[in-house]
Amino acid sequence: MSSTKNRGRERAAEMRAEQQRRDRRKRNLSFGGVAVAIVAVVGGLTWLGLRGQSTATGPGPAIEGLQSYSDLARDHVTGAVAYPQSPAVGGKHSAVWQNCGWYASTIANENAVHSMEHGAAWVTYRADLAADQKARLKSELAGRRYVVTSEYSNLDAPVVVSAWGAQVKLTDADDSRLTAFLDAYANSPKAPEPGGECTGGTGTPS
Protein backbone atom coordinates (compact mmCIF):
# COMPACT_ATOMS: atom_id res chain seq x y z
CA MET A 1 0.00 0.00 0.00
CA SER A 2 2.81 2.38 0.96
CA SER A 3 4.62 1.73 -2.33
CA THR A 4 1.41 2.42 -4.26
CA LYS A 5 0.99 5.77 -2.50
CA ASN A 6 4.59 6.62 -3.22
CA ARG A 7 4.15 5.84 -6.89
CA GLY A 8 1.01 7.99 -6.92
CA ARG A 9 2.83 10.91 -5.35
CA GLU A 10 5.71 10.53 -7.80
CA ARG A 11 3.30 10.43 -10.73
CA ALA A 12 1.52 13.54 -9.48
CA ALA A 13 4.87 15.34 -9.10
CA GLU A 14 5.84 14.33 -12.63
CA MET A 15 2.53 15.66 -13.96
CA ARG A 16 2.97 18.94 -12.10
CA ALA A 17 6.53 19.28 -13.45
CA GLU A 18 5.31 18.58 -17.00
CA GLN A 19 2.55 21.14 -16.63
CA GLN A 20 5.06 23.70 -15.38
CA ARG A 21 7.27 23.03 -18.42
CA ARG A 22 4.29 23.51 -20.72
CA ASP A 23 3.40 26.77 -18.98
CA ARG A 24 6.96 28.03 -19.36
CA ARG A 25 6.95 27.17 -23.07
CA LYS A 26 3.67 29.04 -23.55
CA ARG A 27 5.03 32.09 -21.74
CA ASN A 28 8.22 32.03 -23.81
CA LEU A 29 6.26 31.73 -27.04
CA SER A 30 3.97 34.56 -25.96
CA PHE A 31 6.89 36.81 -25.05
CA GLY A 32 8.62 35.95 -28.31
CA GLY A 33 5.52 36.82 -30.32
CA VAL A 34 5.20 40.15 -28.53
CA ALA A 35 8.86 40.91 -29.18
CA VAL A 36 8.49 40.11 -32.88
CA ALA A 37 5.42 42.32 -33.08
CA ILE A 38 7.24 45.20 -31.38
CA VAL A 39 10.19 44.87 -33.74
CA ALA A 40 7.81 44.84 -36.73
CA VAL A 41 5.98 47.92 -35.52
CA VAL A 42 9.17 49.82 -34.76
CA GLY A 43 10.64 48.82 -38.10
CA GLY A 44 7.50 49.90 -39.92
CA LEU A 45 7.44 53.25 -38.18
CA THR A 46 11.12 53.77 -38.96
CA TRP A 47 10.52 52.97 -42.64
CA LEU A 48 7.60 55.36 -42.79
CA GLY A 49 9.67 58.04 -41.12
CA LEU A 50 12.48 57.62 -43.61
CA ARG A 51 10.00 57.53 -46.47
CA GLY A 52 8.45 60.71 -45.18
CA GLN A 53 11.85 62.34 -45.09
CA SER A 54 12.58 61.33 -48.65
CA THR A 55 9.43 62.99 -49.96
CA ALA A 56 9.60 66.08 -47.79
CA THR A 57 9.77 69.52 -49.37
CA GLY A 58 11.95 70.90 -46.61
CA PRO A 59 15.37 72.51 -46.89
CA GLY A 60 17.64 71.21 -49.61
CA PRO A 61 21.36 70.43 -49.54
CA ALA A 62 24.00 72.91 -48.43
CA ILE A 63 24.57 74.82 -51.67
CA GLU A 64 26.07 78.27 -51.23
CA GLY A 65 23.56 80.98 -52.06
CA LEU A 66 20.60 78.60 -52.10
CA GLN A 67 17.31 80.39 -51.47
CA SER A 68 14.42 78.27 -50.20
CA TYR A 69 10.71 79.07 -50.34
CA SER A 70 7.75 77.31 -48.74
CA ASP A 71 3.94 77.44 -48.64
CA LEU A 72 3.69 77.82 -52.41
CA ALA A 73 0.23 77.63 -53.96
CA ARG A 74 -0.46 74.90 -56.53
CA ASP A 75 -3.67 76.12 -58.16
CA HIS A 76 -4.20 75.89 -61.93
CA VAL A 77 -5.07 79.27 -63.41
CA THR A 78 -5.45 80.91 -66.78
CA GLY A 79 -3.52 83.97 -67.84
CA ALA A 80 -0.41 85.56 -66.42
CA VAL A 81 0.66 85.25 -62.77
CA ALA A 82 2.60 87.94 -60.90
CA TYR A 83 5.31 85.88 -59.21
CA PRO A 84 7.32 87.40 -56.34
CA GLN A 85 10.49 85.68 -57.56
CA SER A 86 12.12 86.13 -60.96
CA PRO A 87 12.32 83.49 -62.34
CA ALA A 88 9.44 81.89 -60.49
CA VAL A 89 10.06 79.01 -58.06
CA GLY A 90 6.50 77.77 -57.63
CA GLY A 91 2.97 78.96 -57.01
CA LYS A 92 -0.17 79.17 -59.13
CA HIS A 93 0.47 78.01 -62.67
CA SER A 94 -0.95 76.96 -66.00
CA ALA A 95 -2.71 73.62 -66.32
CA VAL A 96 -0.23 72.82 -69.14
CA TRP A 97 3.40 72.08 -68.31
CA GLN A 98 6.46 73.02 -70.37
CA ASN A 99 8.11 70.13 -72.18
CA CYS A 100 11.59 69.51 -70.82
CA GLY A 101 14.55 70.40 -73.01
CA TRP A 102 16.51 73.35 -74.40
CA TYR A 103 14.83 76.55 -75.61
CA ALA A 104 16.70 79.30 -77.43
CA SER A 105 14.07 81.89 -76.44
CA THR A 106 11.92 82.76 -73.45
CA ILE A 107 9.04 80.61 -72.22
CA ALA A 108 6.09 81.39 -69.97
CA ASN A 109 6.67 81.27 -66.22
CA GLU A 110 3.28 79.65 -65.75
CA ASN A 111 4.18 76.62 -67.88
CA ALA A 112 7.66 76.27 -66.41
CA VAL A 113 6.26 76.34 -62.87
CA HIS A 114 3.98 73.42 -63.73
CA SER A 115 7.04 71.48 -64.95
CA MET A 116 8.80 72.25 -61.66
CA GLU A 117 5.77 70.92 -59.81
CA HIS A 118 6.46 67.66 -61.65
CA GLY A 119 10.07 67.67 -60.46
CA ALA A 120 11.86 69.55 -63.24
CA ALA A 121 14.66 72.02 -62.64
CA TRP A 122 14.51 75.23 -64.65
CA VAL A 123 17.82 76.61 -65.93
CA THR A 124 17.53 80.19 -67.20
CA TYR A 125 20.23 82.27 -68.90
CA ARG A 126 20.66 85.81 -70.13
CA ALA A 127 20.05 86.58 -73.79
CA ASP A 128 23.62 87.88 -74.12
CA LEU A 129 25.25 84.78 -72.60
CA ALA A 130 28.32 83.95 -74.66
CA ALA A 131 28.12 81.08 -77.14
CA ASP A 132 30.75 79.05 -75.30
CA GLN A 133 28.76 79.45 -72.08
CA LYS A 134 25.63 78.18 -73.78
CA ALA A 135 27.64 75.24 -75.08
CA ARG A 136 28.82 74.57 -71.52
CA LEU A 137 25.20 74.55 -70.33
CA LYS A 138 24.18 72.14 -73.06
CA SER A 139 27.06 69.85 -72.11
CA GLU A 140 26.01 69.84 -68.46
CA LEU A 141 22.38 69.19 -69.32
CA ALA A 142 23.03 66.37 -71.77
CA GLY A 143 21.30 63.21 -70.63
CA ARG A 144 19.21 64.92 -67.95
CA ARG A 145 15.50 64.38 -68.57
CA TYR A 146 13.92 66.61 -65.92
CA VAL A 147 15.45 69.95 -66.92
CA VAL A 148 13.89 72.88 -68.76
CA THR A 149 16.40 75.42 -70.08
CA SER A 150 15.45 78.77 -71.58
CA GLU A 151 16.49 82.35 -72.12
CA TYR A 152 15.01 84.74 -69.55
CA SER A 153 14.47 88.49 -69.86
CA ASN A 154 16.04 90.87 -67.34
CA LEU A 155 17.83 88.08 -65.47
CA ASP A 156 19.90 89.54 -62.62
CA ALA A 157 22.62 86.87 -62.91
CA PRO A 158 24.20 85.21 -65.95
CA VAL A 159 22.55 81.89 -65.08
CA VAL A 160 19.84 81.13 -62.53
CA VAL A 161 18.74 77.61 -61.63
CA SER A 162 15.35 77.06 -60.04
CA ALA A 163 13.23 74.22 -58.79
CA TRP A 164 10.03 74.06 -56.79
CA GLY A 165 10.81 76.12 -53.69
CA ALA A 166 14.52 76.55 -54.43
CA GLN A 167 16.80 78.84 -56.44
CA VAL A 168 20.48 79.68 -56.89
CA LYS A 169 21.99 82.53 -58.90
CA LEU A 170 25.21 81.49 -60.63
CA THR A 171 28.21 83.50 -61.76
CA ASP A 172 28.45 81.62 -65.07
CA ALA A 173 27.82 78.26 -66.72
CA ASP A 174 31.05 76.88 -65.22
CA ASP A 175 29.86 77.45 -61.66
CA SER A 176 30.13 74.12 -59.83
CA ARG A 177 26.86 74.82 -58.05
CA LEU A 178 25.03 74.13 -61.30
CA THR A 179 25.86 70.42 -61.13
CA ALA A 180 25.17 70.29 -57.40
CA PHE A 181 21.77 71.91 -57.84
CA LEU A 182 20.72 69.67 -60.72
CA ASP A 183 21.88 66.54 -58.90
CA ALA A 184 19.77 67.58 -55.91
CA TYR A 185 16.65 68.95 -57.60
CA ALA A 186 16.18 67.53 -61.11
CA ASN A 187 13.42 64.94 -60.60
CA SER A 188 13.82 65.35 -56.87
CA PRO A 189 11.32 63.94 -54.36
CA LYS A 190 11.24 67.44 -52.86
CA ALA A 191 8.84 68.47 -55.66
CA PRO A 192 5.08 68.18 -55.03
CA GLU A 193 4.63 65.67 -57.89
CA PRO A 194 8.04 64.08 -58.56
CA GLY A 195 8.22 61.97 -61.67
CA GLY A 196 5.29 63.75 -63.29
CA GLU A 197 5.03 64.33 -67.02
CA CYS A 198 7.78 66.37 -68.66
CA THR A 199 6.66 65.67 -72.24
CA GLY A 200 3.28 65.93 -73.90
CA GLY A 201 2.79 69.50 -72.72
CA THR A 202 3.63 72.69 -74.57
CA GLY A 203 6.78 73.77 -76.39
CA THR A 204 9.17 72.21 -78.88
CA PRO A 205 12.70 72.10 -77.44
CA SER A 206 15.64 72.21 -79.82
C-alpha atoms as a PDB file:
ATOM      1  CA  MET A   1       0.000   0.000   0.000  1.00  0.00           C
ATOM      2  CA  SER A   2       2.811   2.377   0.963  1.00  0.00           C
ATOM      3  CA  SER A   3       4.620   1.733  -2.327  1.00  0.00           C
ATOM      4  CA  THR A   4       1.413   2.419  -4.260  1.00  0.00           C
ATOM      5  CA  LYS A   5       0.985   5.775  -2.504  1.00  0.00           C
ATOM      6  CA  ASN A   6       4.592   6.623  -3.217  1.00  0.00           C
ATOM      7  CA  ARG A   7       4.147   5.842  -6.889  1.00  0.00           C
ATOM      8  CA  GLY A   8       1.012   7.989  -6.922  1.00  0.00           C
ATOM      9  CA  ARG A   9       2.830  10.910  -5.354  1.00  0.00           C
ATOM     10  CA  GLU A  10       5.711  10.534  -7.801  1.00  0.00           C
ATOM     11  CA  ARG A  11       3.299  10.432 -10.728  1.00  0.00           C
ATOM     12  CA  ALA A  12       1.520  13.538  -9.481  1.00  0.00           C
ATOM     13  CA  ALA A  13       4.867  15.336  -9.102  1.00  0.00           C
ATOM     14  CA  GLU A  14       5.843  14.328 -12.625  1.00  0.00           C
ATOM     15  CA  MET A  15       2.528  15.656 -13.957  1.00  0.00           C
ATOM     16  CA  ARG A  16       2.966  18.941 -12.103  1.00  0.00           C
ATOM     17  CA  ALA A  17       6.526  19.278 -13.452  1.00  0.00           C
ATOM     18  CA  GLU A  18       5.310  18.583 -17.000  1.00  0.00           C
ATOM     19  CA  GLN A  19       2.548  21.138 -16.634  1.00  0.00           C
ATOM     20  CA  GLN A  20       5.058  23.698 -15.379  1.00  0.00           C
ATOM     21  CA  ARG A  21       7.265  23.027 -18.416  1.00  0.00           C
ATOM     22  CA  ARG A  22       4.286  23.514 -20.718  1.00  0.00           C
ATOM     23  CA  ASP A  23       3.398  26.766 -18.976  1.00  0.00           C
ATOM     24  CA  ARG A  24       6.957  28.025 -19.358  1.00  0.00           C
ATOM     25  CA  ARG A  25       6.949  27.168 -23.073  1.00  0.00           C
ATOM     26  CA  LYS A  26       3.675  29.045 -23.550  1.00  0.00           C
ATOM     27  CA  ARG A  27       5.027  32.086 -21.744  1.00  0.00           C
ATOM     28  CA  ASN A  28       8.220  32.030 -23.810  1.00  0.00           C
ATOM     29  CA  LEU A  29       6.260  31.734 -27.042  1.00  0.00           C
ATOM     30  CA  SER A  30       3.974  34.557 -25.958  1.00  0.00           C
ATOM     31  CA  PHE A  31       6.890  36.814 -25.048  1.00  0.00           C
ATOM     32  CA  GLY A  32       8.618  35.950 -28.309  1.00  0.00           C
ATOM     33  CA  GLY A  33       5.520  36.823 -30.316  1.00  0.00           C
ATOM     34  CA  VAL A  34       5.196  40.149 -28.535  1.00  0.00           C
ATOM     35  CA  ALA A  35       8.857  40.913 -29.184  1.00  0.00           C
ATOM     36  CA  VAL A  36       8.490  40.108 -32.885  1.00  0.00           C
ATOM     37  CA  ALA A  37       5.417  42.323 -33.078  1.00  0.00           C
ATOM     38  CA  ILE A  38       7.241  45.196 -31.382  1.00  0.00           C
ATOM     39  CA  VAL A  39      10.195  44.870 -33.744  1.00  0.00           C
ATOM     40  CA  ALA A  40       7.810  44.842 -36.725  1.00  0.00           C
ATOM     41  CA  VAL A  41       5.979  47.924 -35.521  1.00  0.00           C
ATOM     42  CA  VAL A  42       9.175  49.825 -34.761  1.00  0.00           C
ATOM     43  CA  GLY A  43      10.642  48.816 -38.104  1.00  0.00           C
ATOM     44  CA  GLY A  44       7.502  49.902 -39.919  1.00  0.00           C
ATOM     45  CA  LEU A  45       7.438  53.254 -38.176  1.00  0.00           C
ATOM     46  CA  THR A  46      11.120  53.767 -38.957  1.00  0.00           C
ATOM     47  CA  TRP A  47      10.521  52.972 -42.639  1.00  0.00           C
ATOM     48  CA  LEU A  48       7.597  55.363 -42.785  1.00  0.00           C
ATOM     49  CA  GLY A  49       9.667  58.040 -41.120  1.00  0.00           C
ATOM     50  CA  LEU A  50      12.483  57.624 -43.611  1.00  0.00           C
ATOM     51  CA  ARG A  51      10.003  57.534 -46.474  1.00  0.00           C
ATOM     52  CA  GLY A  52       8.449  60.710 -45.183  1.00  0.00           C
ATOM     53  CA  GLN A  53      11.848  62.342 -45.085  1.00  0.00           C
ATOM     54  CA  SER A  54      12.585  61.327 -48.648  1.00  0.00           C
ATOM     55  CA  THR A  55       9.431  62.992 -49.964  1.00  0.00           C
ATOM     56  CA  ALA A  56       9.599  66.085 -47.791  1.00  0.00           C
ATOM     57  CA  THR A  57       9.766  69.524 -49.368  1.00  0.00           C
ATOM     58  CA  GLY A  58      11.953  70.904 -46.607  1.00  0.00           C
ATOM     59  CA  PRO A  59      15.374  72.511 -46.893  1.00  0.00           C
ATOM     60  CA  GLY A  60      17.637  71.213 -49.613  1.00  0.00           C
ATOM     61  CA  PRO A  61      21.359  70.426 -49.536  1.00  0.00           C
ATOM     62  CA  ALA A  62      23.998  72.908 -48.427  1.00  0.00           C
ATOM     63  CA  ILE A  63      24.573  74.816 -51.670  1.00  0.00           C
ATOM     64  CA  GLU A  64      26.072  78.267 -51.230  1.00  0.00           C
ATOM     65  CA  GLY A  65      23.563  80.982 -52.055  1.00  0.00           C
ATOM     66  CA  LEU A  66      20.598  78.601 -52.104  1.00  0.00           C
ATOM     67  CA  GLN A  67      17.312  80.394 -51.467  1.00  0.00           C
ATOM     68  CA  SER A  68      14.424  78.268 -50.200  1.00  0.00           C
ATOM     69  CA  TYR A  69      10.713  79.066 -50.337  1.00  0.00           C
ATOM     70  CA  SER A  70       7.746  77.314 -48.744  1.00  0.00           C
ATOM     71  CA  ASP A  71       3.940  77.437 -48.641  1.00  0.00           C
ATOM     72  CA  LEU A  72       3.687  77.816 -52.410  1.00  0.00           C
ATOM     73  CA  ALA A  73       0.226  77.629 -53.965  1.00  0.00           C
ATOM     74  CA  ARG A  74      -0.463  74.896 -56.534  1.00  0.00           C
ATOM     75  CA  ASP A  75      -3.674  76.115 -58.159  1.00  0.00           C
ATOM     76  CA  HIS A  76      -4.196  75.887 -61.927  1.00  0.00           C
ATOM     77  CA  VAL A  77      -5.067  79.274 -63.405  1.00  0.00           C
ATOM     78  CA  THR A  78      -5.455  80.910 -66.781  1.00  0.00           C
ATOM     79  CA  GLY A  79      -3.524  83.970 -67.840  1.00  0.00           C
ATOM     80  CA  ALA A  80      -0.406  85.556 -66.421  1.00  0.00           C
ATOM     81  CA  VAL A  81       0.656  85.254 -62.768  1.00  0.00           C
ATOM     82  CA  ALA A  82       2.597  87.941 -60.898  1.00  0.00           C
ATOM     83  CA  TYR A  83       5.312  85.885 -59.214  1.00  0.00           C
ATOM     84  CA  PRO A  84       7.317  87.400 -56.342  1.00  0.00           C
ATOM     85  CA  GLN A  85      10.494  85.678 -57.559  1.00  0.00           C
ATOM     86  CA  SER A  86      12.115  86.126 -60.964  1.00  0.00           C
ATOM     87  CA  PRO A  87      12.318  83.491 -62.342  1.00  0.00           C
ATOM     88  CA  ALA A  88       9.436  81.886 -60.494  1.00  0.00           C
ATOM     89  CA  VAL A  89      10.057  79.010 -58.065  1.00  0.00           C
ATOM     90  CA  GLY A  90       6.501  77.775 -57.631  1.00  0.00           C
ATOM     91  CA  GLY A  91       2.968  78.962 -57.012  1.00  0.00           C
ATOM     92  CA  LYS A  92      -0.167  79.167 -59.127  1.00  0.00           C
ATOM     93  CA  HIS A  93       0.466  78.013 -62.668  1.00  0.00           C
ATOM     94  CA  SER A  94      -0.948  76.962 -66.005  1.00  0.00           C
ATOM     95  CA  ALA A  95      -2.707  73.625 -66.321  1.00  0.00           C
ATOM     96  CA  VAL A  96      -0.230  72.823 -69.137  1.00  0.00           C
ATOM     97  CA  TRP A  97       3.400  72.082 -68.312  1.00  0.00           C
ATOM     98  CA  GLN A  98       6.462  73.016 -70.374  1.00  0.00           C
ATOM     99  CA  ASN A  99       8.111  70.128 -72.178  1.00  0.00           C
ATOM    100  CA  CYS A 100      11.595  69.508 -70.816  1.00  0.00           C
ATOM    101  CA  GLY A 101      14.550  70.397 -73.005  1.00  0.00           C
ATOM    102  CA  TRP A 102      16.514  73.352 -74.400  1.00  0.00           C
ATOM    103  CA  TYR A 103      14.830  76.548 -75.610  1.00  0.00           C
ATOM    104  CA  ALA A 104      16.702  79.301 -77.429  1.00  0.00           C
ATOM    105  CA  SER A 105      14.073  81.885 -76.443  1.00  0.00           C
ATOM    106  CA  THR A 106      11.921  82.760 -73.452  1.00  0.00           C
ATOM    107  CA  ILE A 107       9.035  80.611 -72.224  1.00  0.00           C
ATOM    108  CA  ALA A 108       6.094  81.387 -69.970  1.00  0.00           C
ATOM    109  CA  ASN A 109       6.675  81.275 -66.221  1.00  0.00           C
ATOM    110  CA  GLU A 110       3.285  79.652 -65.753  1.00  0.00           C
ATOM    111  CA  ASN A 111       4.175  76.617 -67.878  1.00  0.00           C
ATOM    112  CA  ALA A 112       7.660  76.273 -66.408  1.00  0.00           C
ATOM    113  CA  VAL A 113       6.259  76.337 -62.875  1.00  0.00           C
ATOM    114  CA  HIS A 114       3.983  73.418 -63.726  1.00  0.00           C
ATOM    115  CA  SER A 115       7.042  71.482 -64.947  1.00  0.00           C
ATOM    116  CA  MET A 116       8.804  72.253 -61.658  1.00  0.00           C
ATOM    117  CA  GLU A 117       5.775  70.917 -59.808  1.00  0.00           C
ATOM    118  CA  HIS A 118       6.462  67.655 -61.654  1.00  0.00           C
ATOM    119  CA  GLY A 119      10.072  67.673 -60.462  1.00  0.00           C
ATOM    120  CA  ALA A 120      11.855  69.549 -63.245  1.00  0.00           C
ATOM    121  CA  ALA A 121      14.658  72.022 -62.643  1.00  0.00           C
ATOM    122  CA  TRP A 122      14.505  75.233 -64.652  1.00  0.00           C
ATOM    123  CA  VAL A 123      17.818  76.615 -65.930  1.00  0.00           C
ATOM    124  CA  THR A 124      17.528  80.188 -67.203  1.00  0.00           C
ATOM    125  CA  TYR A 125      20.226  82.266 -68.897  1.00  0.00           C
ATOM    126  CA  ARG A 126      20.664  85.813 -70.132  1.00  0.00           C
ATOM    127  CA  ALA A 127      20.053  86.579 -73.789  1.00  0.00           C
ATOM    128  CA  ASP A 128      23.625  87.876 -74.118  1.00  0.00           C
ATOM    129  CA  LEU A 129      25.245  84.784 -72.596  1.00  0.00           C
ATOM    130  CA  ALA A 130      28.319  83.947 -74.656  1.00  0.00           C
ATOM    131  CA  ALA A 131      28.120  81.083 -77.143  1.00  0.00           C
ATOM    132  CA  ASP A 132      30.754  79.047 -75.302  1.00  0.00           C
ATOM    133  CA  GLN A 133      28.758  79.451 -72.076  1.00  0.00           C
ATOM    134  CA  LYS A 134      25.631  78.179 -73.784  1.00  0.00           C
ATOM    135  CA  ALA A 135      27.645  75.236 -75.076  1.00  0.00           C
ATOM    136  CA  ARG A 136      28.821  74.573 -71.517  1.00  0.00           C
ATOM    137  CA  LEU A 137      25.203  74.551 -70.326  1.00  0.00           C
ATOM    138  CA  LYS A 138      24.177  72.138 -73.062  1.00  0.00           C
ATOM    139  CA  SER A 139      27.063  69.851 -72.108  1.00  0.00           C
ATOM    140  CA  GLU A 140      26.014  69.837 -68.461  1.00  0.00           C
ATOM    141  CA  LEU A 141      22.379  69.195 -69.321  1.00  0.00           C
ATOM    142  CA  ALA A 142      23.034  66.366 -71.772  1.00  0.00           C
ATOM    143  CA  GLY A 143      21.300  63.207 -70.634  1.00  0.00           C
ATOM    144  CA  ARG A 144      19.214  64.918 -67.947  1.00  0.00           C
ATOM    145  CA  ARG A 145      15.501  64.381 -68.568  1.00  0.00           C
ATOM    146  CA  TYR A 146      13.924  66.609 -65.923  1.00  0.00           C
ATOM    147  CA  VAL A 147      15.446  69.949 -66.919  1.00  0.00           C
ATOM    148  CA  VAL A 148      13.887  72.877 -68.762  1.00  0.00           C
ATOM    149  CA  THR A 149      16.402  75.421 -70.084  1.00  0.00           C
ATOM    150  CA  SER A 150      15.452  78.773 -71.583  1.00  0.00           C
ATOM    151  CA  GLU A 151      16.495  82.349 -72.122  1.00  0.00           C
ATOM    152  CA  TYR A 152      15.007  84.743 -69.554  1.00  0.00           C
ATOM    153  CA  SER A 153      14.470  88.489 -69.859  1.00  0.00           C
ATOM    154  CA  ASN A 154      16.038  90.867 -67.337  1.00  0.00           C
ATOM    155  CA  LEU A 155      17.832  88.082 -65.470  1.00  0.00           C
ATOM    156  CA  ASP A 156      19.902  89.536 -62.622  1.00  0.00           C
ATOM    157  CA  ALA A 157      22.620  86.867 -62.910  1.00  0.00           C
ATOM    158  CA  PRO A 158      24.199  85.205 -65.955  1.00  0.00           C
ATOM    159  CA  VAL A 159      22.547  81.885 -65.081  1.00  0.00           C
ATOM    160  CA  VAL A 160      19.837  81.129 -62.534  1.00  0.00           C
ATOM    161  CA  VAL A 161      18.739  77.606 -61.631  1.00  0.00           C
ATOM    162  CA  SER A 162      15.353  77.065 -60.041  1.00  0.00           C
ATOM    163  CA  ALA A 163      13.227  74.217 -58.788  1.00  0.00           C
ATOM    164  CA  TRP A 164      10.028  74.063 -56.788  1.00  0.00           C
ATOM    165  CA  GLY A 165      10.813  76.121 -53.685  1.00  0.00           C
ATOM    166  CA  ALA A 166      14.524  76.552 -54.427  1.00  0.00           C
ATOM    167  CA  GLN A 167      16.796  78.839 -56.443  1.00  0.00           C
ATOM    168  CA  VAL A 168      20.478  79.684 -56.891  1.00  0.00           C
ATOM    169  CA  LYS A 169      21.989  82.529 -58.898  1.00  0.00           C
ATOM    170  CA  LEU A 170      25.205  81.490 -60.632  1.00  0.00           C
ATOM    171  CA  THR A 171      28.208  83.500 -61.763  1.00  0.00           C
ATOM    172  CA  ASP A 172      28.449  81.620 -65.074  1.00  0.00           C
ATOM    173  CA  ALA A 173      27.822  78.260 -66.718  1.00  0.00           C
ATOM    174  CA  ASP A 174      31.051  76.876 -65.222  1.00  0.00           C
ATOM    175  CA  ASP A 175      29.856  77.452 -61.656  1.00  0.00           C
ATOM    176  CA  SER A 176      30.129  74.116 -59.830  1.00  0.00           C
ATOM    177  CA  ARG A 177      26.858  74.816 -58.049  1.00  0.00           C
ATOM    178  CA  LEU A 178      25.030  74.134 -61.304  1.00  0.00           C
ATOM    179  CA  THR A 179      25.864  70.420 -61.131  1.00  0.00           C
ATOM    180  CA  ALA A 180      25.172  70.291 -57.400  1.00  0.00           C
ATOM    181  CA  PHE A 181      21.770  71.905 -57.835  1.00  0.00           C
ATOM    182  CA  LEU A 182      20.717  69.672 -60.719  1.00  0.00           C
ATOM    183  CA  ASP A 183      21.875  66.542 -58.895  1.00  0.00           C
ATOM    184  CA  ALA A 184      19.770  67.577 -55.910  1.00  0.00           C
ATOM    185  CA  TYR A 185      16.651  68.946 -57.599  1.00  0.00           C
ATOM    186  CA  ALA A 186      16.176  67.525 -61.111  1.00  0.00           C
ATOM    187  CA  ASN A 187      13.418  64.937 -60.595  1.00  0.00           C
ATOM    188  CA  SER A 188      13.818  65.354 -56.869  1.00  0.00           C
ATOM    189  CA  PRO A 189      11.315  63.939 -54.355  1.00  0.00           C
ATOM    190  CA  LYS A 190      11.236  67.442 -52.863  1.00  0.00           C
ATOM    191  CA  ALA A 191       8.843  68.469 -55.657  1.00  0.00           C
ATOM    192  CA  PRO A 192       5.083  68.176 -55.034  1.00  0.00           C
ATOM    193  CA  GLU A 193       4.631  65.668 -57.893  1.00  0.00           C
ATOM    194  CA  PRO A 194       8.038  64.084 -58.565  1.00  0.00           C
ATOM    195  CA  GLY A 195       8.222  61.966 -61.672  1.00  0.00           C
ATOM    196  CA  GLY A 196       5.290  63.755 -63.291  1.00  0.00           C
ATOM    197  CA  GLU A 197       5.027  64.331 -67.024  1.00  0.00           C
ATOM    198  CA  CYS A 198       7.784  66.367 -68.659  1.00  0.00           C
ATOM    199  CA  THR A 199       6.662  65.669 -72.241  1.00  0.00           C
ATOM    200  CA  GLY A 200       3.277  65.929 -73.896  1.00  0.00           C
ATOM    201  CA  GLY A 201       2.792  69.497 -72.716  1.00  0.00           C
ATOM    202  CA  THR A 202       3.633  72.695 -74.566  1.00  0.00           C
ATOM    203  CA  GLY A 203       6.781  73.773 -76.388  1.00  0.00           C
ATOM    204  CA  THR A 204       9.175  72.214 -78.881  1.00  0.00           C
ATOM    205  CA  PRO A 205      12.696  72.103 -77.438  1.00  0.00           C
ATOM    206  CA  SER A 206      15.637  72.210 -79.818  1.00  0.00           C
END
